Amino acid sequence: MAPFKIRCYRCGEVFVCIGEDAWPRRRLILDAARAANRFAVFERRDLLFHWPQPGAAADGHTRAFRAFFLHQMGHCARALIAGARPAELLGHQPPAEAGPLGSHFYIGPNAIDSEGKKRLWRLLRAWMGE
């Protein structure tokens, strides 16, 4: 397994995981996190999951990320997953478009046009139960 990083943020009640392929869309993803917090003021905590990790089994990346994710979700009510690798490590096939992914919300790595952004916000509100 090649080395990789997943940048993560605890944004109030939302845990955000951004894969390397989605990093160029981070502003949109963090805006979605603000919306998922209903625009309440929150303190952001930056975290980084990196692989490989010292002492871990060479094929333990999935187990290690899931343990990290579940620990962080103990502090958050919702999760935004962005990019293919975080979705795959959590056992999901990354969808072609943004939307619910199990109990989480997925945002893909590709650029989104204005119609796609409208659809994203609509789906995000529905996921939040609004």
N, C-alpha and C. Protein backbone atom coordinates (compact mmCIF):
# COMPACT_ATOMS: atom_id res chain seq x y z
N MET A 1 0.86 -1.18 0.00
CA MET A 1 0.00 0.00 0.00
C MET A 1 0.90 1.24 0.00
N ALA A 2 0.66 2.09 -0.96
CA ALA A 2 1.42 3.34 -1.06
C ALA A 2 1.03 4.28 0.08
N PRO A 3 1.94 5.10 0.54
CA PRO A 3 1.61 6.07 1.59
C PRO A 3 0.48 7.00 1.14
N PHE A 4 -0.37 7.39 2.09
CA PHE A 4 -1.43 8.34 1.80
C PHE A 4 -1.79 9.11 3.05
N LYS A 5 -2.52 10.22 2.85
CA LYS A 5 -3.02 11.05 3.95
C LYS A 5 -4.50 11.32 3.73
N ILE A 6 -5.22 11.38 4.82
CA ILE A 6 -6.61 11.82 4.81
C ILE A 6 -6.68 12.96 5.83
N ARG A 7 -6.98 14.14 5.33
CA ARG A 7 -7.10 15.30 6.22
C ARG A 7 -8.50 15.27 6.82
N CYS A 8 -8.56 15.47 8.12
CA CYS A 8 -9.83 15.39 8.82
C CYS A 8 -10.01 16.61 9.71
N TYR A 9 -11.26 16.93 9.97
CA TYR A 9 -11.61 18.08 10.80
C TYR A 9 -12.81 17.72 11.65
N ARG A 10 -12.74 18.09 12.91
CA ARG A 10 -13.94 18.06 13.74
C ARG A 10 -14.47 19.48 13.71
N CYS A 11 -15.60 19.63 13.06
CA CYS A 11 -16.24 20.94 12.89
C CYS A 11 -17.55 20.90 13.67
N GLY A 12 -17.49 21.26 14.93
CA GLY A 12 -18.69 21.19 15.75
C GLY A 12 -19.19 19.76 15.82
N GLU A 13 -20.41 19.53 15.36
CA GLU A 13 -21.05 18.21 15.39
C GLU A 13 -20.72 17.37 14.16
N VAL A 14 -19.88 17.89 13.27
CA VAL A 14 -19.60 17.21 12.00
C VAL A 14 -18.12 16.81 11.93
N PHE A 15 -17.90 15.55 11.60
CA PHE A 15 -16.54 15.06 11.36
C PHE A 15 -16.36 14.99 9.85
N VAL A 16 -15.31 15.62 9.35
CA VAL A 16 -15.05 15.73 7.92
C VAL A 16 -13.78 14.96 7.58
N CYS A 17 -13.85 14.09 6.57
CA CYS A 17 -12.69 13.34 6.09
C CYS A 17 -12.50 13.69 4.62
N ILE A 18 -11.34 14.23 4.28
CA ILE A 18 -11.06 14.65 2.90
C ILE A 18 -9.88 13.85 2.36
N GLY A 19 -10.15 13.02 1.37
CA GLY A 19 -9.11 12.27 0.70
C GLY A 19 -8.27 13.17 -0.18
N GLU A 20 -7.09 12.69 -0.54
CA GLU A 20 -6.17 13.49 -1.35
C GLU A 20 -6.79 13.93 -2.68
N ASP A 21 -7.63 13.08 -3.28
CA ASP A 21 -8.25 13.44 -4.56
C ASP A 21 -9.26 14.57 -4.43
N ALA A 22 -9.84 14.74 -3.23
CA ALA A 22 -10.85 15.78 -3.01
C ALA A 22 -10.27 17.05 -2.41
N TRP A 23 -8.99 17.05 -2.06
CA TRP A 23 -8.39 18.20 -1.41
C TRP A 23 -8.60 19.50 -2.18
N PRO A 24 -8.52 19.53 -3.52
CA PRO A 24 -8.76 20.79 -4.23
C PRO A 24 -10.18 21.36 -4.01
N ARG A 25 -11.12 20.57 -3.52
CA ARG A 25 -12.51 21.01 -3.27
C ARG A 25 -12.75 21.32 -1.80
N ARG A 26 -11.69 21.48 -1.03
CA ARG A 26 -11.84 21.63 0.43
C ARG A 26 -12.70 22.81 0.84
N ARG A 27 -12.68 23.91 0.11
CA ARG A 27 -13.51 25.05 0.51
C ARG A 27 -14.99 24.69 0.43
N LEU A 28 -15.39 24.04 -0.64
CA LEU A 28 -16.79 23.60 -0.78
C LEU A 28 -17.14 22.60 0.32
N ILE A 29 -16.24 21.68 0.60
CA ILE A 29 -16.49 20.65 1.61
C ILE A 29 -16.63 21.28 3.00
N LEU A 30 -15.76 22.23 3.33
CA LEU A 30 -15.87 22.89 4.63
C LEU A 30 -17.10 23.79 4.71
N ASP A 31 -17.53 24.36 3.58
CA ASP A 31 -18.81 25.09 3.55
C ASP A 31 -19.97 24.14 3.84
N ALA A 32 -19.89 22.93 3.28
CA ALA A 32 -20.93 21.93 3.55
C ALA A 32 -20.92 21.56 5.03
N ALA A 33 -19.75 21.49 5.65
CA ALA A 33 -19.68 21.20 7.09
C ALA A 33 -20.34 22.31 7.89
N ARG A 34 -20.12 23.56 7.48
CA ARG A 34 -20.79 24.68 8.17
C ARG A 34 -22.31 24.55 8.05
N ALA A 35 -22.76 24.22 6.86
CA ALA A 35 -24.21 24.04 6.65
C ALA A 35 -24.74 22.88 7.49
N ALA A 36 -23.98 21.79 7.56
CA ALA A 36 -24.41 20.63 8.35
C ALA A 36 -24.44 20.94 9.84
N ASN A 37 -23.74 21.98 10.27
CA ASN A 37 -23.79 22.47 11.65
C ASN A 37 -24.86 23.54 11.81
N ARG A 38 -25.65 23.72 10.77
CA ARG A 38 -26.71 24.74 10.75
C ARG A 38 -26.14 26.13 11.01
N PHE A 39 -24.93 26.36 10.51
CA PHE A 39 -24.23 27.64 10.56
C PHE A 39 -23.97 28.15 11.97
N ALA A 40 -24.01 27.23 12.94
CA ALA A 40 -23.65 27.60 14.32
C ALA A 40 -22.14 27.84 14.38
N VAL A 41 -21.73 28.69 15.29
CA VAL A 41 -20.30 28.93 15.50
C VAL A 41 -19.70 27.68 16.14
N PHE A 42 -18.57 27.25 15.63
CA PHE A 42 -17.90 26.08 16.20
C PHE A 42 -16.40 26.27 16.12
N GLU A 43 -15.73 25.52 16.96
CA GLU A 43 -14.27 25.50 16.94
C GLU A 43 -13.86 24.31 16.08
N ARG A 44 -12.98 24.54 15.12
CA ARG A 44 -12.53 23.47 14.23
C ARG A 44 -11.26 22.84 14.78
N ARG A 45 -11.24 21.52 14.79
CA ARG A 45 -10.05 20.79 15.21
C ARG A 45 -9.50 20.04 14.00
N ASP A 46 -8.27 20.33 13.63
CA ASP A 46 -7.62 19.71 12.49
C ASP A 46 -6.94 18.41 12.91
N LEU A 47 -7.16 17.36 12.14
CA LEU A 47 -6.57 16.06 12.42
C LEU A 47 -6.00 15.49 11.12
N LEU A 48 -5.10 14.57 11.22
CA LEU A 48 -4.51 13.97 10.03
C LEU A 48 -4.37 12.47 10.26
N PHE A 49 -4.92 11.70 9.33
CA PHE A 49 -4.69 10.26 9.32
C PHE A 49 -3.67 10.00 8.23
N HIS A 50 -2.57 9.38 8.57
CA HIS A 50 -1.55 9.09 7.55
C HIS A 50 -1.20 7.61 7.59
N TRP A 51 -0.87 7.10 6.43
CA TRP A 51 -0.47 5.71 6.30
C TRP A 51 0.81 5.66 5.52
N PRO A 52 1.77 4.87 5.91
CA PRO A 52 1.74 3.86 6.96
C PRO A 52 1.97 4.47 8.34
N GLN A 53 1.63 3.70 9.34
CA GLN A 53 1.83 4.11 10.72
C GLN A 53 2.85 3.19 11.37
N PRO A 54 3.70 3.73 12.21
CA PRO A 54 4.74 2.91 12.85
C PRO A 54 4.11 1.75 13.64
N GLY A 55 4.66 0.57 13.43
CA GLY A 55 4.22 -0.60 14.19
C GLY A 55 2.96 -1.26 13.67
N ALA A 56 2.31 -0.69 12.68
CA ALA A 56 1.08 -1.28 12.16
C ALA A 56 1.40 -2.33 11.11
N ALA A 57 0.52 -3.31 10.99
CA ALA A 57 0.69 -4.34 9.95
C ALA A 57 0.60 -3.68 8.58
N ALA A 58 1.36 -4.16 7.63
CA ALA A 58 1.42 -3.56 6.29
C ALA A 58 0.05 -3.50 5.62
N ASP A 59 -0.83 -4.45 5.94
CA ASP A 59 -2.16 -4.46 5.32
C ASP A 59 -3.25 -3.96 6.29
N GLY A 60 -2.86 -3.22 7.31
CA GLY A 60 -3.81 -2.78 8.34
C GLY A 60 -4.42 -1.43 8.12
N HIS A 61 -4.27 -0.84 6.92
CA HIS A 61 -4.77 0.52 6.68
C HIS A 61 -6.28 0.65 6.86
N THR A 62 -7.04 -0.34 6.43
CA THR A 62 -8.50 -0.26 6.57
C THR A 62 -8.89 -0.31 8.04
N ARG A 63 -8.36 -1.26 8.74
CA ARG A 63 -8.68 -1.41 10.17
C ARG A 63 -8.25 -0.17 10.95
N ALA A 64 -7.08 0.36 10.64
CA ALA A 64 -6.58 1.54 11.36
C ALA A 64 -7.45 2.77 11.09
N PHE A 65 -7.84 2.97 9.82
CA PHE A 65 -8.67 4.14 9.52
C PHE A 65 -10.05 4.00 10.16
N ARG A 66 -10.62 2.82 10.10
CA ARG A 66 -11.95 2.63 10.72
C ARG A 66 -11.90 2.89 12.23
N ALA A 67 -10.85 2.44 12.89
CA ALA A 67 -10.72 2.69 14.33
C ALA A 67 -10.59 4.19 14.59
N PHE A 68 -9.77 4.86 13.80
CA PHE A 68 -9.61 6.32 13.92
C PHE A 68 -10.95 7.02 13.69
N PHE A 69 -11.66 6.63 12.64
CA PHE A 69 -12.95 7.23 12.30
C PHE A 69 -13.96 7.03 13.43
N LEU A 70 -14.09 5.81 13.92
CA LEU A 70 -15.06 5.54 14.99
C LEU A 70 -14.72 6.30 16.26
N HIS A 71 -13.45 6.41 16.57
CA HIS A 71 -13.06 7.20 17.75
C HIS A 71 -13.49 8.65 17.59
N GLN A 72 -13.25 9.25 16.43
CA GLN A 72 -13.62 10.64 16.20
C GLN A 72 -15.13 10.82 16.18
N MET A 73 -15.84 9.83 15.67
CA MET A 73 -17.31 9.94 15.63
C MET A 73 -17.91 9.91 17.03
N GLY A 74 -17.15 9.51 18.01
CA GLY A 74 -17.60 9.59 19.40
C GLY A 74 -17.80 11.03 19.85
N HIS A 75 -17.21 11.97 19.11
CA HIS A 75 -17.32 13.40 19.43
C HIS A 75 -18.29 14.12 18.49
N CYS A 76 -18.79 13.44 17.47
CA CYS A 76 -19.58 14.11 16.42
C CYS A 76 -20.86 13.33 16.13
N ALA A 77 -21.85 14.04 15.61
CA ALA A 77 -23.13 13.43 15.29
C ALA A 77 -23.24 13.03 13.82
N ARG A 78 -22.47 13.69 12.96
CA ARG A 78 -22.56 13.46 11.51
C ARG A 78 -21.17 13.39 10.92
N ALA A 79 -21.10 12.79 9.71
CA ALA A 79 -19.81 12.75 9.02
C ALA A 79 -19.98 13.10 7.55
N LEU A 80 -19.07 13.93 7.06
CA LEU A 80 -18.96 14.22 5.63
C LEU A 80 -17.71 13.50 5.13
N ILE A 81 -17.88 12.71 4.10
CA ILE A 81 -16.80 11.95 3.51
C ILE A 81 -16.54 12.52 2.13
N ALA A 82 -15.32 12.90 1.84
CA ALA A 82 -15.00 13.48 0.53
C ALA A 82 -13.84 12.73 -0.10
N GLY A 83 -14.06 12.25 -1.31
CA GLY A 83 -13.02 11.54 -2.04
C GLY A 83 -13.18 10.03 -1.93
N ALA A 84 -12.51 9.35 -2.85
CA ALA A 84 -12.66 7.91 -2.97
C ALA A 84 -12.07 7.12 -1.80
N ARG A 85 -10.85 7.44 -1.39
CA ARG A 85 -10.18 6.61 -0.38
C ARG A 85 -10.93 6.55 0.95
N PRO A 86 -11.38 7.67 1.53
CA PRO A 86 -12.11 7.54 2.80
C PRO A 86 -13.37 6.68 2.66
N ALA A 87 -14.08 6.85 1.55
CA ALA A 87 -15.29 6.04 1.34
C ALA A 87 -14.93 4.56 1.27
N GLU A 88 -13.92 4.24 0.49
CA GLU A 88 -13.51 2.84 0.33
C GLU A 88 -13.03 2.23 1.64
N LEU A 89 -12.28 3.00 2.42
CA LEU A 89 -11.78 2.48 3.70
C LEU A 89 -12.93 2.22 4.67
N LEU A 90 -14.04 2.91 4.49
CA LEU A 90 -15.22 2.69 5.34
C LEU A 90 -16.15 1.64 4.75
N GLY A 91 -15.72 1.00 3.65
CA GLY A 91 -16.48 -0.10 3.09
C GLY A 91 -17.52 0.29 2.06
N HIS A 92 -17.41 1.49 1.48
CA HIS A 92 -18.38 1.96 0.50
C HIS A 92 -17.73 2.15 -0.86
N GLN A 93 -18.49 1.88 -1.89
CA GLN A 93 -18.07 2.23 -3.24
C GLN A 93 -18.38 3.72 -3.42
N PRO A 94 -17.41 4.55 -3.78
CA PRO A 94 -17.69 5.98 -3.93
C PRO A 94 -18.73 6.22 -5.04
N PRO A 95 -19.80 6.93 -4.71
CA PRO A 95 -20.82 7.20 -5.73
C PRO A 95 -20.32 8.21 -6.76
N ALA A 96 -21.01 8.27 -7.87
CA ALA A 96 -20.65 9.20 -8.94
C ALA A 96 -20.99 10.65 -8.57
N GLU A 97 -21.99 10.83 -7.72
CA GLU A 97 -22.43 12.18 -7.34
C GLU A 97 -22.53 12.30 -5.84
N ALA A 98 -22.62 13.53 -5.37
CA ALA A 98 -22.78 13.80 -3.94
C ALA A 98 -24.12 13.26 -3.45
N GLY A 99 -24.14 12.87 -2.19
CA GLY A 99 -25.38 12.41 -1.58
C GLY A 99 -25.09 11.51 -0.40
N PRO A 100 -26.16 10.98 0.21
CA PRO A 100 -25.99 10.10 1.36
C PRO A 100 -25.15 8.87 1.00
N LEU A 101 -24.32 8.47 1.93
CA LEU A 101 -23.48 7.28 1.78
C LEU A 101 -23.59 6.53 3.10
N GLY A 102 -24.50 5.57 3.14
CA GLY A 102 -24.83 4.95 4.41
C GLY A 102 -25.44 6.01 5.29
N SER A 103 -24.94 6.16 6.50
CA SER A 103 -25.46 7.20 7.39
C SER A 103 -24.66 8.50 7.27
N HIS A 104 -23.67 8.51 6.39
CA HIS A 104 -22.82 9.68 6.18
C HIS A 104 -23.24 10.42 4.91
N PHE A 105 -22.55 11.50 4.61
CA PHE A 105 -22.81 12.25 3.37
C PHE A 105 -21.51 12.30 2.58
N TYR A 106 -21.61 12.03 1.28
CA TYR A 106 -20.44 11.95 0.42
C TYR A 106 -20.39 13.14 -0.54
N ILE A 107 -19.19 13.69 -0.70
CA ILE A 107 -18.93 14.71 -1.70
C ILE A 107 -17.75 14.22 -2.52
N GLY A 108 -17.95 14.14 -3.83
CA GLY A 108 -16.92 13.61 -4.71
C GLY A 108 -15.79 14.58 -4.95
N PRO A 109 -14.73 14.09 -5.59
CA PRO A 109 -13.54 14.92 -5.81
C PRO A 109 -13.62 15.83 -7.03
N ASN A 110 -14.60 15.63 -7.89
CA ASN A 110 -14.66 16.39 -9.13
C ASN A 110 -15.31 17.76 -8.94
N ALA A 111 -14.96 18.68 -9.80
CA ALA A 111 -15.56 20.02 -9.78
C ALA A 111 -17.07 19.90 -10.00
N ILE A 112 -17.80 20.80 -9.37
CA ILE A 112 -19.26 20.80 -9.46
C ILE A 112 -19.70 22.12 -10.07
N ASP A 113 -20.54 22.03 -11.10
CA ASP A 113 -21.06 23.26 -11.72
C ASP A 113 -22.18 23.83 -10.86
N SER A 114 -22.76 24.95 -11.27
CA SER A 114 -23.77 25.63 -10.45
C SER A 114 -25.00 24.76 -10.21
N GLU A 115 -25.43 23.99 -11.20
CA GLU A 115 -26.58 23.10 -11.00
C GLU A 115 -26.22 21.98 -10.02
N GLY A 116 -25.00 21.49 -10.13
CA GLY A 116 -24.54 20.46 -9.20
C GLY A 116 -24.48 20.97 -7.77
N LYS A 117 -24.07 22.23 -7.59
CA LYS A 117 -24.03 22.82 -6.25
C LYS A 117 -25.44 22.96 -5.68
N LYS A 118 -26.39 23.37 -6.52
CA LYS A 118 -27.78 23.46 -6.04
C LYS A 118 -28.28 22.10 -5.60
N ARG A 119 -27.97 21.08 -6.40
CA ARG A 119 -28.38 19.71 -6.06
C ARG A 119 -27.68 19.27 -4.77
N LEU A 120 -26.40 19.60 -4.61
CA LEU A 120 -25.65 19.26 -3.40
C LEU A 120 -26.33 19.85 -2.17
N TRP A 121 -26.67 21.14 -2.21
CA TRP A 121 -27.28 21.79 -1.04
C TRP A 121 -28.66 21.19 -0.75
N ARG A 122 -29.40 20.87 -1.79
CA ARG A 122 -30.72 20.24 -1.60
C ARG A 122 -30.57 18.87 -0.92
N LEU A 123 -29.64 18.07 -1.41
CA LEU A 123 -29.42 16.75 -0.83
C LEU A 123 -28.88 16.84 0.60
N LEU A 124 -28.03 17.82 0.84
CA LEU A 124 -27.48 18.01 2.19
C LEU A 124 -28.59 18.38 3.17
N ARG A 125 -29.49 19.28 2.77
CA ARG A 125 -30.62 19.63 3.64
C ARG A 125 -31.52 18.44 3.91
N ALA A 126 -31.77 17.64 2.90
CA ALA A 126 -32.60 16.44 3.08
C ALA A 126 -31.90 15.46 4.05
N TRP A 127 -30.59 15.29 3.90
CA TRP A 127 -29.83 14.39 4.77
C TRP A 127 -29.89 14.87 6.21
N MET A 128 -29.92 16.19 6.40
CA MET A 128 -29.98 16.76 7.75
C MET A 128 -31.39 16.73 8.33
N GLY A 129 -32.36 16.33 7.51
CA GLY A 129 -33.74 16.25 7.98
C GLY A 129 -34.48 17.57 7.92
N GLU A 130 -34.06 18.47 7.05
CA GLU A 130 -34.74 19.76 6.93
C GLU A 130 -35.75 19.73 5.81
